[in-house]
């Protein structure tokens, strides 16, 4: 017993020392410029922690403050890369950090920005200084194999499932009723999509939102690509791509809760939307298809709420939305359409003619749901998304002339990190955990054993778990390859 009493503290000390070694990267060379850069990054991190906002996704890479990682770029960590490709990888990791730093910087009070500029970036500005610092640190890391190996080891994104909830909630047993609920929902959804379009019920008035104009798709072959083969459209090319593939939102409007708007915070801390500013938020993402990187265009609309239908409605609550994603193939044509609500719920797939679901997915505990193939619009037609009243469920995807539409201006997704607050000020729509406070649903009390944090709650991009049974994420880099096979490879 005495031996154990002495041994345990020593063991804990050794573990702590090893953990410290694991978290701290190898020392940088004696470079005063690099040292000053690390001081500048640390100063901004301290200021943001005290008075600002930081995105929860992408994820910081411990010990390398100029890098952040998402699931797509984490997919490169274990594959061979020559020096040019490695440099391109680090450049992309840094771009994620730069985008997050812009959000962080914009969230700081002007007086703190001025002090940081005075102390760490006189004459240049803090973000310009950090951009130059990133180039300095990247040059060092590219020539240090030990540090590169550590970046590869740490460039990971944890899954969105809480193991402790699954253990305490007796996951294998509690998943039986959840599995039945998923089966019933999928059967109901297929039934909705099987109905003729003209027979879908209308609770209020069908209104279309979007843009009546559709520019020609830019020459996709002319898009620049980096050393990893990742498409890099210019801002002008990207704007054309977004406009060319933008859907028309056809919504059954029976109440104010069915009209898209700009999210803001009410004075009582509940999120809602400004109906006087209907907008669509856009962002770019990437995934892989057959090992090759492909471009994705994301379109997100928000609603004030999913109105509760009764005292025992588990799904209703403040704030709701719909995210529509267009995955383009190597030639720039739509390969796949898919959608989720901002809670990560109700993932629907609409594969193009080149894709077929893998046969084995039908045997998964929660199989993917592809209620219809992707439509192929005729000349002059647009992709129309038919949304139900109240639930805002996607009921049909079809091609049609745009007709009369309410213009839906576009905004960058990053603007959601500075949502207006009633009475004045700005506040991120997302909390440090990536969740939208105040948008919780009662279903979380039943579904917590799935491991999904607060099921039904709206959440930030990069934080969308899309399966209750098993594990899948909306931004998994291998999602397409796991779900689909090329048509030409089928017997």
Protein backbone atom coordinates (compact mmCIF):
# COMPACT_ATOMS: atom_id res chain seq x y z
CA UNK A 1 0.00 0.00 0.00
CA UNK A 2 2.86 2.36 0.81
CA UNK A 3 4.49 1.55 -2.52
CA UNK A 4 1.26 2.37 -4.34
CA UNK A 5 0.97 5.67 -2.47
CA UNK A 6 4.39 6.73 -3.71
CA UNK A 7 4.02 5.22 -7.19
CA UNK A 8 0.78 6.94 -8.23
CA UNK A 9 2.05 10.53 -7.91
CA UNK A 10 5.19 9.63 -9.86
CA UNK A 11 3.08 7.94 -12.57
CA UNK A 12 0.82 10.98 -12.84
CA UNK A 13 3.85 13.26 -13.10
CA UNK A 14 5.32 11.16 -15.91
CA UNK A 15 1.99 11.14 -17.77
CA UNK A 16 1.73 14.91 -17.40
CA UNK A 17 5.28 15.35 -18.72
CA UNK A 18 4.58 13.11 -21.69
CA UNK A 19 1.36 14.97 -22.42
CA UNK A 20 3.25 18.25 -22.32
CA UNK A 21 5.80 16.91 -24.78
CA UNK A 22 3.03 15.72 -27.06
CA UNK A 23 1.28 19.09 -27.09
CA UNK A 24 4.33 21.28 -27.59
CA UNK A 25 5.89 21.26 -31.07
CA UNK A 26 9.64 21.09 -31.59
CA UNK A 27 11.27 24.43 -30.92
CA UNK A 28 11.53 26.86 -33.79
CA UNK A 29 15.02 27.84 -34.97
CA UNK A 30 16.54 30.90 -33.33
CA UNK A 31 14.57 33.28 -35.51
CA UNK A 32 13.50 36.57 -33.98
CA UNK A 33 10.92 37.18 -36.71
CA UNK A 34 9.23 33.85 -35.97
CA UNK A 35 9.30 34.58 -32.24
CA UNK A 36 7.62 37.96 -32.76
CA UNK A 37 5.05 36.29 -34.97
CA UNK A 38 4.14 33.80 -32.26
CA UNK A 39 3.77 36.71 -29.84
CA UNK A 40 1.35 38.42 -32.23
CA UNK A 41 -0.75 35.26 -32.64
CA UNK A 42 -0.83 34.78 -28.86
CA UNK A 43 -1.87 38.39 -28.30
CA UNK A 44 -4.79 38.09 -30.72
CA UNK A 45 -5.86 34.76 -29.20
CA UNK A 46 -5.85 36.32 -25.74
CA UNK A 47 -7.88 39.31 -26.88
CA UNK A 48 -10.44 37.13 -28.67
CA UNK A 49 -10.80 34.84 -25.66
CA UNK A 50 -11.57 37.86 -23.49
CA UNK A 51 -13.73 40.01 -25.76
CA UNK A 52 -14.39 38.39 -29.14
CA UNK A 53 -15.83 35.52 -31.13
CA UNK A 54 -14.07 32.59 -32.70
CA UNK A 55 -15.58 29.96 -35.04
CA UNK A 56 -15.66 26.47 -33.55
CA UNK A 57 -14.95 25.10 -37.04
CA UNK A 58 -12.42 24.75 -38.65
CA UNK A 59 -10.31 23.35 -35.84
CA UNK A 60 -7.05 24.82 -34.57
CA UNK A 61 -3.92 22.69 -34.91
CA UNK A 62 -2.29 22.71 -31.48
CA UNK A 63 1.14 24.35 -31.44
CA UNK A 64 0.75 25.83 -34.94
CA UNK A 65 -1.32 29.01 -34.55
CA UNK A 66 -1.28 29.86 -38.26
CA UNK A 67 -3.05 26.63 -39.26
CA UNK A 68 -6.59 25.26 -38.90
CA UNK A 69 -8.12 22.14 -40.39
CA UNK A 70 -11.49 20.85 -41.61
CA UNK A 71 -12.50 17.29 -42.45
CA UNK A 72 -11.68 17.70 -46.13
CA UNK A 73 -8.09 18.86 -45.59
CA UNK A 74 -7.60 16.37 -42.74
CA UNK A 75 -8.03 13.71 -45.41
CA UNK A 76 -4.59 14.58 -46.80
CA UNK A 77 -2.68 13.98 -43.58
CA UNK A 78 -1.98 10.31 -44.24
CA UNK A 79 -1.41 10.40 -47.98
CA UNK A 80 1.98 10.88 -49.66
CA UNK A 81 2.68 14.44 -50.78
CA UNK A 82 5.72 15.83 -52.55
CA UNK A 83 7.17 19.15 -51.33
CA UNK A 84 5.05 21.21 -53.75
CA UNK A 85 1.85 19.45 -52.68
CA UNK A 86 2.82 19.79 -49.02
CA UNK A 87 3.29 23.52 -49.49
CA UNK A 88 -0.15 23.73 -51.10
CA UNK A 89 -1.64 21.79 -48.19
CA UNK A 90 -0.13 24.13 -45.62
CA UNK A 91 -1.31 27.10 -47.67
CA UNK A 92 -4.88 25.80 -47.54
CA UNK A 93 -4.65 25.11 -43.81
CA UNK A 94 -3.50 28.69 -43.40
CA UNK A 95 -6.37 30.03 -45.51
CA UNK A 96 -8.78 28.41 -43.08
CA UNK A 97 -6.99 30.19 -40.26
CA UNK A 98 -7.02 33.51 -42.09
CA UNK A 99 -10.77 33.29 -42.65
CA UNK A 100 -11.31 32.49 -38.97
CA UNK A 101 -8.96 35.31 -37.93
CA UNK A 102 -11.02 37.74 -40.00
CA UNK A 103 -14.12 36.73 -38.05
CA UNK A 104 -12.22 37.04 -34.77
CA UNK A 105 -10.79 40.43 -35.67
CA UNK A 106 -14.15 41.83 -36.74
CA UNK A 107 -15.66 40.74 -33.43
CA UNK A 108 -13.23 42.79 -31.32
CA UNK A 109 -14.02 46.31 -30.05
CA UNK A 110 -12.24 49.05 -31.97
CA UNK A 111 -10.22 50.08 -28.91
CA UNK A 112 -8.75 46.56 -28.62
CA UNK A 113 -8.03 46.43 -32.37
CA UNK A 114 -6.16 49.73 -32.10
CA UNK A 115 -4.08 48.50 -29.19
CA UNK A 116 -3.16 45.27 -30.98
CA UNK A 117 -2.18 47.21 -34.10
CA UNK A 118 -0.08 49.63 -32.04
CA UNK A 119 1.78 46.90 -30.15
CA UNK A 120 2.19 44.21 -32.80
CA UNK A 121 1.52 45.64 -36.26
CA UNK A 122 2.32 49.37 -36.46
CA UNK A 123 1.93 50.64 -39.99
CA UNK A 124 0.56 47.38 -41.44
CA UNK A 125 -2.44 46.23 -39.44
CA UNK A 126 -2.78 43.01 -37.49
CA UNK A 127 -4.28 40.80 -40.19
CA UNK A 128 -1.69 41.86 -42.77
CA UNK A 129 1.01 41.19 -40.19
CA UNK A 130 -0.34 37.70 -39.50
CA UNK A 131 -0.55 36.97 -43.23
CA UNK A 132 3.16 37.73 -43.50
CA UNK A 133 3.84 35.75 -40.35
CA UNK A 134 2.11 32.74 -41.86
CA UNK A 135 4.49 32.85 -44.81
CA UNK A 136 7.45 33.00 -42.40
CA UNK A 137 6.23 30.09 -40.28
CA UNK A 138 5.26 27.99 -43.28
CA UNK A 139 8.74 28.39 -44.78
CA UNK A 140 10.24 27.14 -41.53
CA UNK A 141 7.88 24.18 -41.22
CA UNK A 142 8.38 23.10 -44.83
CA UNK A 143 12.06 22.53 -44.10
CA UNK A 144 11.60 20.81 -40.73
CA UNK A 145 10.53 17.19 -41.12
CA UNK A 146 9.88 16.80 -37.42
CA UNK A 147 7.46 19.72 -37.35
CA UNK A 148 5.79 18.57 -40.59
CA UNK A 149 5.25 15.12 -39.08
CA UNK A 150 3.64 16.74 -36.06
CA UNK A 151 1.33 18.85 -38.23
CA UNK A 152 0.21 15.69 -40.02
CA UNK A 153 -0.38 13.94 -36.69
CA UNK A 154 -2.45 16.81 -35.29
CA UNK A 155 -4.42 17.82 -38.39
CA UNK A 156 -7.50 15.92 -37.22
CA UNK A 157 -11.14 16.80 -36.61
CA UNK A 158 -12.96 14.95 -33.85
CA UNK A 159 -16.30 13.38 -34.67
CA UNK A 160 -19.51 15.06 -33.49
CA UNK A 161 -20.68 12.15 -31.34
CA UNK A 162 -20.38 12.11 -27.53
CA UNK A 163 -19.23 8.65 -26.48
CA UNK A 164 -20.16 9.28 -22.84
CA UNK A 165 -23.80 9.85 -23.87
CA UNK A 166 -23.82 6.61 -25.84
CA UNK A 167 -22.34 4.65 -22.94
CA UNK A 168 -24.57 6.11 -20.25
CA UNK A 169 -27.60 5.92 -22.55
CA UNK A 170 -27.06 2.21 -23.31
CA UNK A 171 -26.70 2.96 -27.01
CA UNK A 172 -27.21 -0.59 -28.38
CA UNK A 173 -30.59 -0.84 -26.62
CA UNK A 174 -31.90 2.71 -27.04
CA UNK A 175 -31.09 2.64 -30.75
CA UNK A 176 -33.81 0.07 -31.39
CA UNK A 177 -36.70 2.57 -31.08
CA UNK A 178 -34.60 5.26 -32.78
CA UNK A 179 -33.96 2.89 -35.66
CA UNK A 180 -37.70 2.28 -35.97
CA UNK A 181 -38.35 6.05 -35.94
CA UNK A 182 -35.81 6.56 -38.73
CA UNK A 183 -37.42 3.75 -40.76
CA UNK A 184 -40.86 5.33 -40.39
CA UNK A 185 -39.59 8.82 -41.30
CA UNK A 186 -37.87 7.51 -44.41
CA UNK A 187 -41.00 5.64 -45.50
CA UNK A 188 -43.10 8.79 -45.04
CA UNK A 189 -40.60 10.86 -47.00
CA UNK A 190 -40.60 8.43 -49.91
CA UNK A 191 -44.39 8.57 -49.90
CA UNK A 192 -44.35 12.37 -50.14
CA UNK A 193 -41.95 12.26 -53.07
CA UNK A 194 -44.02 9.58 -54.78
CA UNK A 195 -47.07 11.86 -54.93
CA UNK A 196 -47.68 13.81 -58.14
CA UNK A 197 -46.45 17.36 -57.74
CA UNK A 198 -49.92 18.80 -58.34
CA UNK A 199 -51.31 16.73 -55.46
CA UNK A 200 -48.93 17.99 -52.77
CA UNK A 201 -51.01 19.80 -50.14
CA UNK A 202 -50.81 23.58 -49.90
CA UNK A 203 -51.52 25.19 -46.53
CA UNK A 204 -51.09 28.79 -47.61
CA UNK A 205 -49.70 30.35 -50.77
CA UNK A 206 -46.83 29.08 -52.92
CA UNK A 207 -44.18 31.78 -53.24
CA UNK A 208 -40.89 31.58 -55.08
CA UNK A 209 -37.68 33.17 -53.85
CA UNK A 210 -34.39 33.49 -55.69
CA UNK A 211 -33.08 35.22 -58.77
CA UNK A 212 -34.81 35.15 -62.17
CA UNK A 213 -31.46 35.59 -63.92
CA UNK A 214 -29.18 32.62 -64.56
CA UNK A 215 -25.81 33.40 -66.15
CA UNK A 216 -23.91 30.93 -68.27
CA UNK A 217 -21.70 28.53 -66.38
CA UNK A 218 -18.04 29.56 -66.67
CA UNK A 219 -15.59 27.30 -68.47
CA UNK A 220 -14.81 24.87 -65.68
CA UNK A 221 -11.75 23.53 -67.43
CA UNK A 222 -10.28 27.03 -67.26
CA UNK A 223 -10.56 27.18 -63.46
CA UNK A 224 -7.13 27.22 -61.84
CA UNK A 225 -6.18 24.35 -59.56
CA UNK A 226 -3.48 24.12 -56.93
CA UNK A 227 -0.83 21.41 -56.59
CA UNK A 228 -3.36 19.18 -54.82
CA UNK A 229 -5.74 19.42 -57.76
CA UNK A 230 -8.26 21.46 -55.75
CA UNK A 231 -10.26 23.93 -57.88
CA UNK A 232 -9.46 27.58 -57.13
CA UNK A 233 -12.03 29.74 -58.91
CA UNK A 234 -11.39 33.45 -58.91
CA UNK A 235 -13.96 35.62 -57.08
CA UNK A 236 -15.59 36.47 -60.43
CA UNK A 237 -15.71 32.82 -61.50
CA UNK A 238 -17.10 31.78 -58.13
CA UNK A 239 -19.84 34.41 -58.34
CA UNK A 240 -20.87 33.03 -61.74
CA UNK A 241 -20.89 29.48 -60.40
CA UNK A 242 -23.06 30.43 -57.44
CA UNK A 243 -25.48 32.32 -59.68
CA UNK A 244 -25.63 29.58 -62.31
CA UNK A 245 -26.45 26.81 -59.82
CA UNK A 246 -28.63 28.78 -57.41
CA UNK A 247 -31.99 27.09 -56.81
CA UNK A 248 -35.42 28.70 -56.74
CA UNK A 249 -37.01 28.23 -53.30
CA UNK A 250 -40.72 27.46 -53.72
CA UNK A 251 -42.22 27.74 -50.25
CA UNK A 252 -45.73 27.08 -49.00
CA UNK A 253 -46.19 30.28 -46.98
CA UNK A 254 -48.99 29.98 -44.44
CA UNK A 255 -47.47 32.19 -41.72
CA UNK A 256 -44.54 34.49 -41.05
CA UNK A 257 -42.58 31.42 -39.95
CA UNK A 258 -42.49 30.28 -43.59
CA UNK A 259 -40.81 33.41 -44.94
CA UNK A 260 -36.99 33.44 -45.20
CA UNK A 261 -35.13 36.22 -43.44
CA UNK A 262 -31.91 37.45 -41.83
CA UNK A 263 -31.15 35.92 -38.42
CA UNK A 264 -30.88 38.25 -35.45
CA UNK A 265 -31.07 38.04 -31.67
CA UNK A 266 -34.18 39.27 -29.91
CA UNK A 267 -33.70 41.26 -26.72
CA UNK A 268 -34.71 38.18 -24.69
CA UNK A 269 -31.90 36.11 -26.24
CA UNK A 270 -34.07 34.07 -28.61
CA UNK A 271 -32.87 33.78 -32.23
CA UNK A 272 -35.30 34.74 -34.98
CA UNK A 273 -35.21 36.35 -38.44
CA UNK A 274 -35.89 39.77 -39.91
CA UNK A 275 -38.58 39.18 -42.54
CA UNK A 276 -37.77 42.53 -44.14
CA UNK A 277 -34.40 41.14 -45.26
CA UNK A 278 -34.89 37.80 -47.01
CA UNK A 279 -31.42 36.51 -47.91
CA UNK A 280 -29.54 33.33 -48.82
CA UNK A 281 -26.16 32.62 -47.23
CA UNK A 282 -23.50 31.04 -49.41
CA UNK A 283 -20.28 29.18 -48.74
CA UNK A 284 -17.81 26.96 -50.57
CA UNK A 285 -16.72 23.51 -49.46
CA UNK A 286 -14.86 20.57 -50.96
CA UNK A 287 -15.11 16.82 -50.88
CA UNK A 288 -13.65 13.89 -52.78
CA UNK A 289 -15.06 11.68 -55.47
CA UNK A 290 -12.99 8.66 -56.47
CA UNK A 291 -9.96 10.23 -54.82
CA UNK A 292 -10.22 13.54 -56.66
CA UNK A 293 -11.19 16.85 -54.99
CA UNK A 294 -14.45 18.37 -56.19
CA UNK A 295 -16.11 21.72 -55.52
CA UNK A 296 -19.33 22.19 -53.54
CA UNK A 297 -21.65 25.21 -53.49
CA UNK A 298 -23.74 25.70 -50.34
CA UNK A 299 -26.95 27.76 -50.11
CA UNK A 300 -28.63 28.36 -46.74
CA UNK A 301 -31.93 30.06 -45.89
CA UNK A 302 -33.26 30.71 -42.38
CA UNK A 303 -36.79 30.87 -40.98
CA UNK A 304 -37.99 32.38 -37.69
CA UNK A 305 -39.16 29.04 -36.31
CA UNK A 306 -40.59 25.64 -36.90
CA UNK A 307 -43.96 26.34 -35.25
CA UNK A 308 -45.03 23.82 -32.65
CA UNK A 309 -48.19 21.93 -33.57
CA UNK A 310 -49.17 21.10 -29.98
CA UNK A 311 -48.02 20.71 -26.41
CA UNK A 312 -46.31 17.40 -27.21
CA UNK A 313 -44.57 18.51 -30.39
CA UNK A 314 -40.92 17.52 -29.91
CA UNK A 315 -39.65 19.04 -33.16
CA UNK A 316 -40.88 22.64 -33.06
CA UNK A 317 -38.96 25.62 -31.72
CA UNK A 318 -37.25 28.91 -32.56
CA UNK A 319 -35.22 29.22 -35.74
CA UNK A 320 -35.20 26.77 -38.61
CA UNK A 321 -33.67 26.59 -42.05
CA UNK A 322 -32.69 24.62 -45.11
CA UNK A 323 -29.22 24.03 -46.53
CA UNK A 324 -28.94 23.03 -50.19
CA UNK A 325 -25.61 21.75 -51.52
CA UNK A 326 -24.49 21.32 -55.13
CA UNK A 327 -21.50 19.05 -55.70
CA UNK A 328 -19.87 19.63 -59.10
CA UNK A 329 -17.91 16.98 -60.96
CA UNK A 330 -14.55 17.53 -62.63
CA UNK A 331 -16.26 19.03 -65.68
CA UNK A 332 -18.35 21.45 -63.62
CA UNK A 333 -21.67 19.60 -64.00
CA UNK A 334 -23.85 18.74 -60.97
CA UNK A 335 -22.78 15.35 -59.68
CA UNK A 336 -25.01 15.34 -56.61
CA UNK A 337 -27.54 17.55 -54.87
CA UNK A 338 -28.19 17.05 -51.16
CA UNK A 339 -29.83 18.92 -48.32
CA UNK A 340 -30.10 19.12 -44.54
CA UNK A 341 -31.76 21.36 -42.02
CA UNK A 342 -29.21 23.39 -40.01
CA UNK A 343 -29.57 20.90 -37.16
CA UNK A 344 -27.95 18.29 -39.41
CA UNK A 345 -31.29 16.47 -39.54
CA UNK A 346 -33.21 15.11 -42.52
CA UNK A 347 -30.32 14.47 -44.91
CA UNK A 348 -31.72 13.91 -48.41
CA UNK A 349 -29.69 12.88 -51.46
CA UNK A 350 -30.51 13.56 -55.11
CA UNK A 351 -27.88 11.77 -57.20
CA UNK A 352 -27.15 12.72 -60.78
CA UNK A 353 -27.16 10.18 -63.63
CA UNK A 354 -23.51 9.25 -63.03
CA UNK A 355 -24.18 7.97 -59.48
CA UNK A 356 -25.91 5.01 -57.90
CA UNK A 357 -26.16 4.21 -54.21
CA UNK A 358 -23.93 1.34 -53.21
CA UNK A 359 -26.08 -1.78 -52.69
CA UNK A 360 -24.58 -2.42 -49.23
CA UNK A 361 -25.90 0.92 -47.92
CA UNK A 362 -29.41 -0.56 -47.87
CA UNK A 363 -28.26 -2.83 -45.03
CA UNK A 364 -26.88 -0.03 -42.88
CA UNK A 365 -28.59 0.59 -39.55
CA UNK A 366 -29.56 4.03 -40.87
CA UNK A 367 -29.36 3.83 -44.66
CA UNK A 368 -28.96 6.98 -46.75
CA UNK A 369 -32.19 8.42 -48.12
CA UNK A 370 -32.37 9.26 -51.84
CA UNK A 371 -36.09 9.85 -52.49
CA UNK A 372 -35.66 10.84 -56.13
CA UNK A 373 -32.90 11.26 -58.72
CA UNK A 374 -31.61 14.72 -59.53
CA UNK A 375 -33.71 16.47 -62.17
CA UNK A 376 -32.03 17.65 -65.36
CA UNK A 377 -33.51 21.07 -66.19
CA UNK A 378 -34.31 21.91 -69.79
CA UNK A 379 -32.96 25.11 -71.38
CA UNK A 380 -34.40 28.09 -69.52
CA UNK A 381 -35.44 25.99 -66.52
CA UNK A 382 -34.08 26.20 -62.98
CA UNK A 383 -33.89 23.77 -60.09
CA UNK A 384 -37.01 24.33 -57.95
CA UNK A 385 -37.03 23.31 -54.28
CA UNK A 386 -40.55 22.78 -52.94
CA UNK A 387 -40.69 23.35 -49.16
CA UNK A 388 -43.66 22.51 -46.94
CA UNK A 389 -45.30 24.99 -44.61
CA UNK A 390 -44.34 24.78 -40.95
CA UNK A 391 -41.82 21.92 -41.06
CA UNK A 392 -40.02 23.41 -44.09
CA UNK A 393 -39.49 19.84 -45.24
CA UNK A 394 -38.20 19.42 -48.76
CA UNK A 395 -41.03 17.72 -50.69
CA UNK A 396 -39.85 17.81 -54.29
CA UNK A 397 -36.94 18.87 -56.49
CA UNK A 398 -37.84 19.58 -60.09
CA UNK A 399 -36.98 21.71 -63.11
CA UNK A 400 -39.20 24.60 -64.19
CA UNK A 401 -39.18 28.12 -65.56
CA UNK A 402 -38.42 30.51 -62.65
CA UNK A 403 -41.61 32.55 -63.12
CA UNK A 404 -42.31 35.40 -60.71
CA UNK A 405 -39.82 35.38 -57.83
CA UNK A 406 -39.08 37.49 -54.78
CA UNK A 407 -35.44 38.50 -55.11
CA UNK A 408 -33.24 36.74 -52.58
CA UNK A 409 -29.95 38.65 -52.18
CA UNK A 410 -26.88 36.61 -51.25
CA UNK A 411 -24.57 37.05 -48.27
CA UNK A 412 -21.38 35.40 -47.19
CA UNK A 413 -21.83 32.70 -44.54
CA UNK A 414 -19.25 34.48 -42.34
CA UNK A 415 -21.78 37.25 -41.69
CA UNK A 416 -23.62 34.84 -39.39
CA UNK A 417 -20.81 35.37 -36.88
CA UNK A 418 -21.97 38.96 -36.45
CA UNK A 419 -25.76 38.73 -36.24
CA UNK A 420 -27.55 41.86 -35.10
CA UNK A 421 -28.88 42.10 -31.56
CA UNK A 422 -32.20 43.82 -30.93
CA UNK A 423 -31.44 47.11 -29.26
CA UNK A 424 -27.93 47.36 -30.72
CA UNK A 425 -24.69 45.45 -31.03
CA UNK A 426 -23.57 42.24 -32.71
CA UNK A 427 -23.30 38.64 -31.54
CA UNK A 428 -22.34 35.43 -33.28
CA UNK A 429 -25.26 33.19 -34.13
CA UNK A 430 -23.15 30.25 -32.93
CA UNK A 431 -21.82 29.53 -29.47
CA UNK A 432 -18.37 28.15 -28.62
CA UNK A 433 -19.79 24.64 -29.03
CA UNK A 434 -21.11 25.44 -32.51
CA UNK A 435 -24.75 25.39 -31.36
CA UNK A 436 -27.32 28.18 -31.69
CA UNK A 437 -28.43 28.97 -28.17
CA UNK A 438 -32.21 29.21 -27.82
CA UNK A 439 -32.96 26.93 -30.81
CA UNK A 440 -33.11 23.75 -28.73
CA UNK A 441 -35.82 21.17 -29.42
CA UNK A 442 -37.58 18.89 -26.93
CA UNK A 443 -36.43 15.88 -28.96
CA UNK A 444 -33.01 16.24 -27.35
CA UNK A 445 -34.37 14.66 -24.16
CA UNK A 446 -35.18 11.48 -26.07
CA UNK A 447 -32.31 11.33 -28.56
CA UNK A 448 -29.34 12.22 -26.35
CA UNK A 449 -28.18 8.55 -26.17
CA UNK A 450 -27.38 8.76 -29.92
CA UNK A 451 -24.34 10.83 -28.96
CA UNK A 452 -25.38 13.78 -31.14
CA UNK A 453 -25.03 16.94 -29.03
CA UNK A 454 -28.47 18.48 -28.40
CA UNK A 455 -30.36 16.81 -31.29
CA UNK A 456 -32.58 19.23 -33.19
CA UNK A 457 -30.59 22.33 -32.26
CA UNK A 458 -29.38 24.53 -35.11
CA UNK A 459 -25.60 24.48 -35.50
CA UNK A 460 -22.53 25.78 -37.31
CA UNK A 461 -21.10 24.42 -40.54
CA UNK A 462 -18.57 21.68 -39.87
CA UNK A 463 -20.62 20.50 -36.86
CA UNK A 464 -23.38 18.58 -38.66
CA UNK A 465 -23.77 14.96 -37.64
CA UNK A 466 -26.29 13.54 -40.14
CA UNK A 467 -27.03 10.08 -38.71
CA UNK A 468 -28.58 9.09 -35.39
CA UNK A 469 -27.73 5.42 -35.83
CA UNK A 470 -24.05 5.00 -36.71
CA UNK A 471 -21.81 7.94 -37.54
CA UNK A 472 -21.84 10.24 -40.58
CA UNK A 473 -21.05 13.92 -41.05
CA UNK A 474 -22.27 16.28 -43.73
CA UNK A 475 -18.65 17.29 -44.44
CA UNK A 476 -16.99 13.86 -44.35
CA UNK A 477 -14.35 13.94 -47.07
CA UNK A 478 -15.14 10.36 -48.10
CA UNK A 479 -18.94 10.61 -47.90
CA UNK A 480 -19.53 10.32 -51.65
CA UNK A 481 -17.24 7.32 -52.04
CA UNK A 482 -18.89 5.58 -49.08
CA UNK A 483 -22.41 6.16 -50.40
CA UNK A 484 -22.11 5.93 -54.17
CA UNK A 485 -20.56 3.99 -57.01
CA UNK A 486 -20.20 5.19 -60.62
CA UNK A 487 -22.94 3.89 -62.90
CA UNK A 488 -20.42 2.70 -65.48
CA UNK A 489 -18.84 0.32 -62.93
CA UNK A 490 -22.05 -1.52 -62.24
CA UNK A 491 -22.60 -4.85 -64.03
